[in-house]
Each structure stands twice: as C-alpha cells, then as structure tokens.
C-alpha cells in the first residue's frame, strides 16, 4: 500500500526536495528574519486568540447525573470532559461515513466494534486503493481494545440518566453515553490529558476518528459553542459568531442608533432567566439582550460566513469565547497569510501539523511519534528520512524552552526514524510538539506568511499529510472545519 502513495502525491510532493534555491543566500535572509522576529517575539498577543496562564476562566457545563466512578474534568482546549475515576479522559468512536463504507460504533446498537482483533491488512473503506495491502510494523501492532481500553462498568451497573450499559463479547459490562460506548486512550498519560482525539479541529476525509466526550455546555438554547484550535467560540444556533464591544459597560449596552446598522443584539426570550455567567440586558420594553460575563452580545450584520472572525476587525469588537487556550511558546509569531492568519516560528515560517489515520478496520492513528512512521516518510520524502527533514523540517526548541499552554511541550526525536528518542540518545534533537505531536515548517516557504505546504498529502493532507496551523481563516473554512455535531448528524 505505502508504495502506492507515490502515485497520489501529485504536485504537492516532488520526488526529491533538495531546495537549492533556499540554501543560496540563506544566511543573509535568515538574519533579516531573525531581526524582525525579535520584535514580535515579546509581543505575541493574547488577544484575539489566547488567554494568559493567569486567566483561569473555564467553560461551565450543564449539571448531569453521573454513574459511580465517572467525573467531569476541566481541560484547556476541549472544555469539560468526562473522565474515569483516575481522571483519564473518556472518548467515543461514532460511526462515520468513509469513502467506501462506514466505520465506528453505531449509536444505540448495544455493541462495541472496538475488539481484540489485530488487523494486518487495509480495509479499502478509506483509501482509494483496493483492500488487502499489508499494514506496517505488524510485529508491534496491537488490537483496538489495547489502544482504546473500554470503560468497564460493574457487573450490577444500572442506567443513570443518559448513561447506559452494554455487554462486550467477553461478557464484561461497558459504560455508554447517549448510546455510544466509552473508552480511554493509551496516548493519555496523566489526568486531564486529551491526546487521543480532539473536537477542536475536525477536517474532512480524516478517517473514522475518536473524540473526547463531555457534558453539554451551559449556554442558552439560542447559542452554541464551536470548538476551534484556540478555544470555544460562542456562536448562534445558526452558526454565526457572537461579539462583544469595549464601548459597553457591565450589563449595559451602549450600541444604539448607527451602531445598530451593523450590529444586531442577541435577543433573549421573554421567559429567559439569568443564571450562572449569563445575564439579561433590558434594551427597551419587551426587548431583552443576552450578556455573558457582564458583556452584552451581538452578531455582525455584514458577516456572510458562519464561525467567522471578521467582526473583530472592527476596533473595539471581539469574538466571544467561553474559554480559550493559553499562549503558545513565546518565540512563536503570528503571520498574515494569503488566506488568513497562521502560527509561525521565530523566523516567521508557518508551522504545520501532520494528520494521519490508517485504513484498517479499527482506524488506528499514525500521526504520533510512537506510531508507524512509514506513512509520513512516504508522503514527505518518498521513504527517505533525509528528504523529509528538508521538505518538512522539525521546529527545534531552545534549551530550557517552555510554554504557558499545557498543549505545547518539548520532546526528543530521532530524526533518522521520526520516533521518540531515548534519553541521552546520540543524534536526538529537541523539538516543539503540539498535543504530544511534533510540529514542522515547510522547506519551500520562502518568506513569512507563505503557506505553500498547506494541504500537502493525501486528501488535501487530511488522511495522510500536512496542514498549516491556522489561527484564523475566513475564506475557506480550513481551520473551522466541521463540528462533531456535523460528524454525528445531530
């Protein structure tokens, strides 16, 4: 199968990427970039994307009945999630439509499709290639239930609210929430980790992925929460972004007359009641407006796209988040690109994330340094690790570097294999990782803001490839993606 990747790489992946043009004059160009980066390094702004570590505002959730041994954990990116008694995040594997069939757990079927079978061939459901190709690293491959341990329930467990119990093939009981079996991930190492999956960036053609699951957000029925890469964006039930104004006072709207031509108050029903962080502004007799944390809420009348940030281009106006992630590494920068804003390294080079799901019937992820690296090597270097290091170089970390955000860490990588290096291993390099996965730049990005490596790989980089670390993209929904609600059809 992997040998077949070569035929689909197309214009995105040259046979070998020696990049001679980039080497010529690189020293002079690099010095200019470093000089400009020094100016932005200390000024990486929290607004409009992040909060500082000192800001501990977290999204509130609806109160639910919980079975014994289940708790709710606050997390930086995913908001409140369900966790087991040890604080380990719980995930679902909802059935998802692939190119040639469906995979995952079917809601209310009473069955878990994640079992102990160790698959050694591709299914053909996701990939355009026929089924039957041998998978890599078969000697190391584990069954689905080893990577995704079922959240077992006591033999005498009874349904509680939205929580039900299913029977596994071996007779053990397993908890399910809203009809979907629950699992923990072997990627998570400590309480509060959410490394097995995310709701914050769902891209098309990614395969049948797993998602963390938690209680509903405590927002009025007229509003929803859209999980994006920098936090939980507040939107209307129709998907349009919600904004606040610096000109308003606490629970006081100063948007009148001409202001109302461009901005529409988010109205509250007559029977709506104040609760938690939600209050109501009486604009006029019979006209009520929602306020969140004391800030009256609006939509931007000129906005044509859902889940957008164009309203925040107006001075004094801000997108509203129920919670935001903390700041990334301080040496990183924000760059304007041809189609949005991207996170970039200290030299202004766009940062890329690698996405990968294999095509077996249990859809194991292959985007982690502890996963088989053949997929990535095939895409970025025709199986040559040296070419990969030129095409998509790792973002190296300075000694002792840290970030405010727990989503960012420094890990040691063996660049010859792409796997995590042992402590003190010769040739290992320290690189920045996002959610425990290395991040990269692209060798053919020549200046700050270039994003030529975006959508590089199979299915526009979603199935096996690279995508730019978009912070804002109001033009083609690259960063906003689709929601878990879209995936699940509810």
Protein backbone atom coordinates (compact mmCIF):
# COMPACT_ATOMS: atom_id res chain seq x y z
CA UNK A 1 0.00 0.00 0.00
CA UNK A 2 2.63 2.50 1.00
CA UNK A 3 4.43 2.12 -2.28
CA UNK A 4 1.20 3.23 -3.92
CA UNK A 5 1.34 6.62 -2.17
CA UNK A 6 3.85 7.80 -4.75
CA UNK A 7 1.19 7.88 -7.44
CA UNK A 8 -1.13 10.15 -5.45
CA UNK A 9 1.36 12.71 -4.22
CA UNK A 10 0.88 14.80 -7.32
CA UNK A 11 2.16 18.36 -7.39
CA UNK A 12 2.34 18.51 -3.62
CA UNK A 13 5.30 16.17 -3.28
CA UNK A 14 8.31 16.37 -5.58
CA UNK A 15 10.41 13.24 -5.94
CA UNK A 16 13.26 14.78 -4.01
CA UNK A 17 13.34 18.15 -2.35
CA UNK A 18 16.93 19.37 -2.37
CA UNK A 19 15.79 23.03 -2.17
CA UNK A 20 18.92 24.60 -3.68
CA UNK A 21 17.17 27.93 -4.07
CA UNK A 22 16.57 28.15 -0.36
CA UNK A 23 20.18 27.45 0.53
CA UNK A 24 21.51 30.26 -1.67
CA UNK A 25 21.74 33.41 0.43
CA UNK A 26 20.08 31.68 3.36
CA UNK A 27 22.37 33.29 5.92
CA UNK A 28 21.51 36.85 4.91
CA UNK A 29 17.81 36.11 4.57
CA UNK A 30 17.81 34.26 7.91
CA UNK A 31 19.46 37.22 9.68
CA UNK A 32 16.74 39.55 8.41
CA UNK A 33 14.02 37.17 9.55
CA UNK A 34 15.58 36.76 12.97
CA UNK A 35 15.85 40.52 13.41
CA UNK A 36 12.18 41.00 12.60
CA UNK A 37 11.22 38.04 14.76
CA UNK A 38 12.88 39.61 17.79
CA UNK A 39 10.38 42.47 17.56
CA UNK A 40 7.37 40.17 17.56
CA UNK A 41 8.72 37.62 20.00
CA UNK A 42 7.98 39.61 23.14
CA UNK A 43 4.72 40.89 21.74
CA UNK A 44 2.92 37.63 20.94
CA UNK A 45 -0.54 38.89 21.87
CA UNK A 46 -3.08 37.02 23.93
CA UNK A 47 -5.84 38.80 22.02
CA UNK A 48 -7.59 37.76 19.92
CA UNK A 49 -6.66 34.09 20.15
CA UNK A 50 -5.45 33.08 23.61
CA UNK A 51 -5.56 33.81 27.32
CA UNK A 52 -2.55 34.11 29.59
CA UNK A 53 -1.95 31.34 32.13
CA UNK A 54 -3.17 33.66 34.89
CA UNK A 55 -6.65 33.73 33.34
CA UNK A 56 -8.40 30.64 34.68
CA UNK A 57 -11.87 31.22 33.21
CA UNK A 58 -13.34 27.90 32.19
CA UNK A 59 -16.50 26.89 30.41
CA UNK A 60 -19.41 25.88 32.62
CA UNK A 61 -21.39 22.76 31.80
CA UNK A 62 -24.93 21.57 32.35
CA UNK A 63 -25.40 19.55 35.54
CA UNK A 64 -25.89 15.86 34.77
CA UNK A 65 -26.35 12.63 36.67
CA UNK A 66 -23.08 10.68 36.70
CA UNK A 67 -22.57 6.99 37.40
CA UNK A 68 -20.19 5.98 40.20
CA UNK A 69 -16.56 6.26 39.04
CA UNK A 70 -17.29 8.92 36.40
CA UNK A 71 -16.29 12.57 36.92
CA UNK A 72 -16.04 15.82 34.94
CA UNK A 73 -12.55 17.20 34.31
CA UNK A 74 -11.77 20.74 33.08
CA UNK A 75 -9.33 20.78 30.15
CA UNK A 76 -7.55 23.61 28.39
CA UNK A 77 -8.73 23.00 24.83
CA UNK A 78 -11.70 20.63 24.98
CA UNK A 79 -13.53 22.23 27.90
CA UNK A 80 -15.22 19.96 30.45
CA UNK A 81 -14.81 16.27 29.58
CA UNK A 82 -15.97 13.05 31.17
CA UNK A 83 -13.21 11.11 32.88
CA UNK A 84 -12.86 7.85 34.79
CA UNK A 85 -12.06 7.59 38.48
CA UNK A 86 -8.36 8.21 37.73
CA UNK A 87 -9.09 11.39 35.78
CA UNK A 88 -8.41 9.83 32.37
CA UNK A 89 -10.48 11.32 29.53
CA UNK A 90 -13.30 9.27 28.00
CA UNK A 91 -13.76 9.05 24.23
CA UNK A 92 -16.38 7.91 21.75
CA UNK A 93 -15.96 6.36 18.30
CA UNK A 94 -19.17 7.39 16.49
CA UNK A 95 -19.89 5.69 13.20
CA UNK A 96 -18.62 7.86 10.36
CA UNK A 97 -19.13 7.67 6.63
CA UNK A 98 -15.92 7.00 4.74
CA UNK A 99 -15.32 6.93 1.01
CA UNK A 100 -16.38 3.31 0.60
CA UNK A 101 -18.38 2.47 3.71
CA UNK A 102 -18.88 3.21 7.40
CA UNK A 103 -16.76 2.54 10.46
CA UNK A 104 -17.15 3.13 14.17
CA UNK A 105 -19.77 2.39 16.80
CA UNK A 106 -23.40 2.71 15.77
CA UNK A 107 -25.49 4.65 18.27
CA UNK A 108 -27.84 2.57 20.44
CA UNK A 109 -26.68 -0.67 18.84
CA UNK A 110 -25.62 -2.07 22.22
CA UNK A 111 -22.39 -3.26 20.60
CA UNK A 112 -18.77 -2.08 20.68
CA UNK A 113 -16.91 -2.59 17.40
CA UNK A 114 -13.55 -2.00 19.12
CA UNK A 115 -12.36 -5.51 19.94
CA UNK A 116 -9.20 -7.57 20.34
CA UNK A 117 -8.66 -8.42 16.65
CA UNK A 118 -5.23 -7.39 15.38
CA UNK A 119 -5.79 -6.37 11.77
CA UNK A 120 -2.94 -6.85 9.33
CA UNK A 121 -4.49 -5.54 6.11
CA UNK A 122 -6.09 -2.36 4.81
CA UNK A 123 -9.87 -2.33 4.54
CA UNK A 124 -10.27 -0.23 1.38
CA UNK A 125 -13.01 1.80 3.11
CA UNK A 126 -10.97 4.97 3.45
CA UNK A 127 -8.23 4.75 0.87
CA UNK A 128 -8.79 4.85 -2.88
CA UNK A 129 -6.54 1.78 -3.09
CA UNK A 130 -8.05 -1.72 -3.05
CA UNK A 131 -8.21 -3.57 0.27
CA UNK A 132 -5.70 -6.25 1.22
CA UNK A 133 -2.40 -4.35 1.46
CA UNK A 134 -0.27 -5.34 4.44
CA UNK A 135 -0.02 -2.75 7.20
CA UNK A 136 3.39 -1.58 8.51
CA UNK A 137 5.01 -2.73 11.78
CA UNK A 138 2.74 -5.75 12.17
CA UNK A 139 5.03 -7.16 14.88
CA UNK A 140 4.24 -4.11 17.01
CA UNK A 141 0.58 -3.68 16.13
CA UNK A 142 -1.96 -4.02 18.91
CA UNK A 143 -5.67 -4.64 18.97
CA UNK A 144 -8.19 -1.81 19.19
CA UNK A 145 -9.12 -2.61 22.80
CA UNK A 146 -5.47 -2.28 23.86
CA UNK A 147 -5.19 1.21 22.39
CA UNK A 148 -8.72 2.16 23.42
CA UNK A 149 -9.49 0.44 26.70
CA UNK A 150 -13.23 0.06 27.26
CA UNK A 151 -14.57 1.96 30.26
CA UNK A 152 -15.87 -1.06 32.12
CA UNK A 153 -18.89 -0.90 34.38
CA UNK A 154 -19.61 -3.06 37.43
CA UNK A 155 -21.48 -6.25 36.64
CA UNK A 156 -24.50 -4.91 38.53
CA UNK A 157 -24.39 -1.40 36.97
CA UNK A 158 -27.71 0.18 36.05
CA UNK A 159 -28.53 3.02 33.62
CA UNK A 160 -28.21 6.54 35.04
CA UNK A 161 -29.70 9.42 33.06
CA UNK A 162 -28.03 9.35 29.62
CA UNK A 163 -25.66 6.61 30.78
CA UNK A 164 -26.37 3.02 29.74
CA UNK A 165 -24.55 -0.30 29.91
CA UNK A 166 -23.68 -2.59 27.03
CA UNK A 167 -22.27 -6.12 27.10
CA UNK A 168 -18.99 -6.85 25.38
CA UNK A 169 -18.35 -10.13 23.56
CA UNK A 170 -16.44 -11.48 26.56
CA UNK A 171 -19.41 -10.77 28.85
CA UNK A 172 -17.93 -7.69 30.52
CA UNK A 173 -20.12 -4.62 31.01
CA UNK A 174 -19.10 -1.31 29.40
CA UNK A 175 -20.44 2.19 30.00
CA UNK A 176 -22.05 4.05 27.11
CA UNK A 177 -23.17 7.70 26.93
CA UNK A 178 -26.05 8.68 24.68
CA UNK A 179 -25.88 5.21 23.16
CA UNK A 180 -22.14 5.26 22.30
CA UNK A 181 -19.58 3.04 24.09
CA UNK A 182 -16.84 4.82 26.06
CA UNK A 183 -13.08 4.27 26.02
CA UNK A 184 -9.85 5.70 27.42
CA UNK A 185 -6.80 6.30 25.21
CA UNK A 186 -3.32 4.84 25.61
CA UNK A 187 -1.97 8.24 24.44
CA UNK A 188 -3.13 9.91 27.68
CA UNK A 189 -0.57 9.61 30.45
CA UNK A 190 -1.94 11.74 33.28
CA UNK A 191 -5.28 13.12 34.47
CA UNK A 192 -6.55 15.88 32.20
CA UNK A 193 -4.65 14.72 29.11
CA UNK A 194 -6.72 14.74 25.88
CA UNK A 195 -4.19 13.34 23.42
CA UNK A 196 -6.30 10.57 21.91
CA UNK A 197 -8.50 12.88 19.85
CA UNK A 198 -9.89 16.39 19.66
CA UNK A 199 -13.09 18.22 18.76
CA UNK A 200 -11.19 21.43 18.04
CA UNK A 201 -10.05 20.61 14.51
CA UNK A 202 -12.17 18.18 12.53
CA UNK A 203 -11.05 18.01 8.93
CA UNK A 204 -12.77 16.23 6.09
CA UNK A 205 -11.52 12.85 4.83
CA UNK A 206 -9.60 12.24 8.06
CA UNK A 207 -10.98 8.75 8.59
CA UNK A 208 -13.13 7.43 11.43
CA UNK A 209 -11.59 9.38 14.31
CA UNK A 210 -12.21 9.23 18.07
CA UNK A 211 -13.47 12.24 20.01
CA UNK A 212 -13.42 13.24 23.68
CA UNK A 213 -16.90 13.45 25.14
CA UNK A 214 -18.24 15.68 27.88
CA UNK A 215 -21.37 17.32 29.26
CA UNK A 216 -23.28 19.91 27.23
CA UNK A 217 -22.04 23.49 27.52
CA UNK A 218 -24.12 25.70 29.79
CA UNK A 219 -25.31 28.18 27.16
CA UNK A 220 -28.82 29.46 26.34
CA UNK A 221 -30.77 27.48 23.72
CA UNK A 222 -30.26 30.32 21.23
CA UNK A 223 -26.49 29.83 21.34
CA UNK A 224 -23.90 27.10 20.80
CA UNK A 225 -20.19 26.53 21.30
CA UNK A 226 -17.84 25.82 18.37
CA UNK A 227 -14.57 24.18 19.48
CA UNK A 228 -11.73 25.62 17.39
CA UNK A 229 -7.97 25.38 17.80
CA UNK A 230 -7.67 28.36 20.14
CA UNK A 231 -10.73 27.75 22.30
CA UNK A 232 -14.51 27.51 22.43
CA UNK A 233 -16.06 30.13 20.16
CA UNK A 234 -19.56 31.32 21.02
CA UNK A 235 -21.94 31.19 18.04
CA UNK A 236 -25.67 31.43 17.42
CA UNK A 237 -27.80 28.35 16.77
CA UNK A 238 -27.47 29.24 13.07
CA UNK A 239 -23.66 29.22 13.33
CA UNK A 240 -22.87 32.95 13.24
CA UNK A 241 -20.20 34.32 15.56
CA UNK A 242 -21.10 36.31 18.65
CA UNK A 243 -19.28 39.52 19.60
CA UNK A 244 -18.85 41.94 22.50
CA UNK A 245 -17.96 45.65 22.46
CA UNK A 246 -15.47 47.61 24.55
CA UNK A 247 -17.90 50.55 24.43
CA UNK A 248 -20.43 48.70 26.61
CA UNK A 249 -20.48 48.78 30.38
CA UNK A 250 -21.18 45.83 32.70
CA UNK A 251 -24.64 44.57 31.67
CA UNK A 252 -25.16 47.87 29.85
CA UNK A 253 -25.40 48.20 26.07
CA UNK A 254 -24.24 51.45 24.51
CA UNK A 255 -24.86 50.23 20.96
CA UNK A 256 -27.69 52.40 19.62
CA UNK A 257 -28.63 54.34 16.50
CA UNK A 258 -25.88 53.99 13.86
CA UNK A 259 -24.22 51.15 15.79
CA UNK A 260 -27.31 49.00 15.28
CA UNK A 261 -26.96 49.27 11.50
CA UNK A 262 -24.03 46.86 11.61
CA UNK A 263 -24.61 45.05 14.91
CA UNK A 264 -27.65 43.06 15.99
CA UNK A 265 -28.24 42.36 19.70
CA UNK A 266 -28.53 38.66 20.54
CA UNK A 267 -32.08 38.72 21.84
CA UNK A 268 -33.26 36.74 24.84
CA UNK A 269 -36.82 35.36 25.02
CA UNK A 270 -39.27 36.97 27.41
CA UNK A 271 -39.22 33.92 29.66
CA UNK A 272 -35.41 33.61 29.73
CA UNK A 273 -33.85 33.80 33.19
CA UNK A 274 -30.44 34.92 34.43
CA UNK A 275 -28.25 32.03 35.53
CA UNK A 276 -24.59 31.37 36.16
CA UNK A 277 -22.47 33.64 33.94
CA UNK A 278 -25.49 34.62 31.86
CA UNK A 279 -27.44 37.82 32.45
CA UNK A 280 -30.04 39.82 30.54
CA UNK A 281 -29.96 43.46 29.43
CA UNK A 282 -33.30 45.23 29.09
CA UNK A 283 -32.81 47.37 25.98
CA UNK A 284 -36.37 48.65 25.73
CA UNK A 285 -39.82 47.46 26.82
CA UNK A 286 -40.15 43.93 25.51
CA UNK A 287 -36.63 43.80 24.03
CA UNK A 288 -34.10 41.80 26.01
CA UNK A 289 -30.48 41.01 25.16
CA UNK A 290 -28.20 38.22 26.38
CA UNK A 291 -24.99 39.17 28.18
CA UNK A 292 -22.13 36.79 29.03
CA UNK A 293 -19.83 37.56 31.95
CA UNK A 294 -21.39 41.02 32.00
CA UNK A 295 -20.76 41.72 28.30
CA UNK A 296 -23.84 42.31 26.07
CA UNK A 297 -23.75 40.08 22.97
CA UNK A 298 -24.20 40.91 19.28
CA UNK A 299 -23.89 39.41 15.83
CA UNK A 300 -22.28 41.28 12.93
CA UNK A 301 -24.89 42.02 10.26
CA UNK A 302 -22.28 42.25 7.47
CA UNK A 303 -20.89 38.77 8.16
CA UNK A 304 -21.67 36.27 5.41
CA UNK A 305 -19.88 33.18 6.74
CA UNK A 306 -20.57 31.18 9.85
CA UNK A 307 -17.97 30.73 12.63
CA UNK A 308 -16.12 33.78 11.37
CA UNK A 309 -13.89 36.43 12.93
CA UNK A 310 -14.38 39.31 10.51
CA UNK A 311 -16.40 41.29 13.03
CA UNK A 312 -13.33 41.53 15.27
CA UNK A 313 -11.60 43.57 12.53
CA UNK A 314 -13.68 46.49 13.77
CA UNK A 315 -11.83 48.38 16.55
CA UNK A 316 -13.22 47.62 19.98
CA UNK A 317 -15.15 44.49 18.92
CA UNK A 318 -14.18 40.95 19.96
CA UNK A 319 -15.25 37.38 19.30
CA UNK A 320 -16.61 35.84 22.49
CA UNK A 321 -15.15 32.60 23.87
CA UNK A 322 -16.49 30.55 26.76
CA UNK A 323 -12.85 29.60 27.32
CA UNK A 324 -9.58 29.95 25.44
CA UNK A 325 -6.32 28.05 25.35
CA UNK A 326 -3.18 29.55 26.89
CA UNK A 327 -0.35 31.18 24.98
CA UNK A 328 1.92 29.02 22.77
CA UNK A 329 5.75 29.22 23.01
CA UNK A 330 6.85 32.82 23.43
CA UNK A 331 9.27 32.74 20.50
CA UNK A 332 6.45 31.90 18.09
CA UNK A 333 4.85 34.59 15.92
CA UNK A 334 1.59 35.30 14.13
CA UNK A 335 1.82 35.86 10.38
CA UNK A 336 -0.66 37.15 7.83
CA UNK A 337 -1.04 34.66 5.02
CA UNK A 338 -2.78 34.90 1.68
CA UNK A 339 -5.92 33.32 3.14
CA UNK A 340 -5.77 34.02 6.86
CA UNK A 341 -3.50 34.15 9.89
CA UNK A 342 -1.14 31.34 10.82
CA UNK A 343 1.05 30.43 13.76
CA UNK A 344 4.72 30.64 12.80
CA UNK A 345 8.14 30.00 14.32
CA UNK A 346 10.62 32.66 15.47
CA UNK A 347 11.71 33.20 11.84
CA UNK A 348 8.16 33.78 10.65
CA UNK A 349 7.88 30.40 8.90
CA UNK A 350 4.42 28.85 9.02
CA UNK A 351 4.00 25.90 11.39
CA UNK A 352 2.38 22.70 10.14
CA UNK A 353 0.61 19.82 11.84
CA UNK A 354 0.75 16.26 10.49
CA UNK A 355 -2.50 14.27 10.21
CA UNK A 356 -2.73 10.51 9.65
CA UNK A 357 -5.22 7.66 10.08
CA UNK A 358 -4.51 4.20 8.72
CA UNK A 359 -7.05 2.27 6.68
CA UNK A 360 -7.52 -0.80 8.88
CA UNK A 361 -10.94 -1.72 10.23
CA UNK A 362 -10.02 -0.22 13.60
CA UNK A 363 -8.70 3.04 12.05
CA UNK A 364 -5.58 3.48 14.15
CA UNK A 365 -3.95 6.93 14.11
CA UNK A 366 -0.46 7.29 12.64
CA UNK A 367 0.32 10.92 13.47
CA UNK A 368 2.19 10.32 16.73
CA UNK A 369 5.94 9.64 17.18
CA UNK A 370 5.03 6.28 18.74
CA UNK A 371 3.08 5.31 15.61
CA UNK A 372 4.49 3.74 12.41
CA UNK A 373 6.41 6.43 10.52
CA UNK A 374 6.18 4.85 7.07
CA UNK A 375 3.08 6.89 6.20
CA UNK A 376 4.75 10.23 6.90
CA UNK A 377 8.04 9.20 5.28
CA UNK A 378 6.17 8.13 2.13
CA UNK A 379 4.41 11.47 1.82
CA UNK A 380 7.19 13.91 2.66
CA UNK A 381 10.27 12.09 1.34
CA UNK A 382 9.44 9.00 -0.73
CA UNK A 383 10.58 6.93 2.30
CA UNK A 384 13.82 8.91 2.66
CA UNK A 385 14.13 10.46 6.14
CA UNK A 386 16.75 12.96 4.96
CA UNK A 387 14.44 14.26 2.24
CA UNK A 388 11.66 14.53 4.80
CA UNK A 389 13.87 16.67 7.01
CA UNK A 390 14.35 19.06 4.10
CA UNK A 391 10.74 19.04 2.97
CA UNK A 392 9.16 19.37 6.42
CA UNK A 393 11.87 20.18 8.99
CA UNK A 394 11.06 19.81 12.69
CA UNK A 395 10.64 23.04 14.68
CA UNK A 396 13.58 22.83 17.07
CA UNK A 397 13.22 24.09 20.64
CA UNK A 398 15.78 26.15 22.55
CA UNK A 399 17.32 24.55 25.67
CA UNK A 400 15.00 25.02 28.62
CA UNK A 401 12.15 26.34 26.45
CA UNK A 402 8.64 26.19 27.91
CA UNK A 403 5.17 27.46 27.01
CA UNK A 404 2.28 28.83 29.06
CA UNK A 405 -0.02 26.29 27.42
CA UNK A 406 -0.02 22.64 28.51
CA UNK A 407 -0.85 21.81 24.89
CA UNK A 408 2.77 22.56 23.97
CA UNK A 409 5.79 20.55 25.09
CA UNK A 410 9.37 19.80 24.09
CA UNK A 411 10.10 16.20 23.13
CA UNK A 412 13.23 14.41 21.90
CA UNK A 413 13.04 12.91 18.42
CA UNK A 414 15.40 10.66 16.47
CA UNK A 415 15.30 12.46 13.10
CA UNK A 416 16.54 9.37 11.27
CA UNK A 417 13.42 7.42 12.24
CA UNK A 418 10.89 10.05 13.33
CA UNK A 419 10.25 8.17 16.57
CA UNK A 420 10.66 9.44 20.12
CA UNK A 421 14.30 9.21 21.18
CA UNK A 422 15.54 7.64 24.38
CA UNK A 423 17.04 9.96 26.97
CA UNK A 424 20.63 10.79 26.02
CA UNK A 425 20.35 9.04 22.64
CA UNK A 426 23.03 10.11 20.17
CA UNK A 427 21.74 12.31 17.33
CA UNK A 428 18.45 13.13 19.05
CA UNK A 429 17.02 16.64 18.66
CA UNK A 430 14.64 18.57 20.93
CA UNK A 431 11.58 19.74 19.02
CA UNK A 432 8.34 21.52 19.78
CA UNK A 433 5.27 19.32 19.97
CA UNK A 434 1.58 20.25 19.96
CA UNK A 435 -0.58 17.76 21.82
CA UNK A 436 2.48 15.49 22.02
CA UNK A 437 2.98 15.50 18.24
CA UNK A 438 5.94 17.25 16.54
CA UNK A 439 5.31 20.39 14.52
CA UNK A 440 7.09 21.31 11.29
CA UNK A 441 7.91 24.09 8.86
CA UNK A 442 7.92 23.67 5.08
CA UNK A 443 11.13 23.89 3.07
CA UNK A 444 9.58 25.77 0.16
CA UNK A 445 8.07 28.55 2.27
CA UNK A 446 10.42 31.42 1.48
CA UNK A 447 9.03 34.34 3.47
CA UNK A 448 6.81 34.99 6.49
CA UNK A 449 3.19 34.26 5.66
CA UNK A 450 3.92 31.67 2.97
CA UNK A 451 1.77 28.58 3.46
CA UNK A 452 2.76 26.53 0.43
CA UNK A 453 2.77 23.28 2.41
CA UNK A 454 -0.88 23.55 3.43
CA UNK A 455 -3.00 20.56 2.30
CA UNK A 456 0.16 18.62 1.32
CA UNK A 457 -0.55 14.89 1.04
CA UNK A 458 -3.46 12.53 0.58
CA UNK A 459 -6.97 14.03 0.52
CA UNK A 460 -5.60 17.56 0.96
CA UNK A 461 -3.46 16.49 3.87
CA UNK A 462 -6.36 15.15 5.95
CA UNK A 463 -5.91 11.39 5.54
CA UNK A 464 -2.10 11.43 5.49
CA UNK A 465 -0.38 14.76 5.21
CA UNK A 466 0.25 18.27 6.48
CA UNK A 467 -1.93 21.27 7.21
CA UNK A 468 -0.91 24.76 8.27
CA UNK A 469 -1.54 25.75 11.88
CA UNK A 470 -4.33 28.16 11.02
CA UNK A 471 -5.40 30.62 13.69
CA UNK A 472 -7.91 32.38 11.53
CA UNK A 473 -9.23 31.51 8.11
CA UNK A 474 -12.32 33.38 6.97
CA UNK A 475 -12.06 32.28 3.38
CA UNK A 476 -12.27 28.52 3.02
CA UNK A 477 -13.11 27.01 6.41
CA UNK A 478 -9.68 25.42 6.75
CA UNK A 479 -9.36 25.94 10.48
CA UNK A 480 -13.01 25.99 11.41
CA UNK A 481 -13.57 22.65 9.71
CA UNK A 482 -16.70 20.70 10.59
CA UNK A 483 -18.10 20.11 14.05
CA UNK A 484 -18.66 16.88 15.95
CA UNK A 485 -22.34 17.67 15.57
CA UNK A 486 -21.84 17.57 11.79
CA UNK A 487 -19.98 14.27 12.01
CA UNK A 488 -22.64 12.64 14.14
CA UNK A 489 -25.56 14.14 12.23
CA UNK A 490 -27.19 15.57 15.35
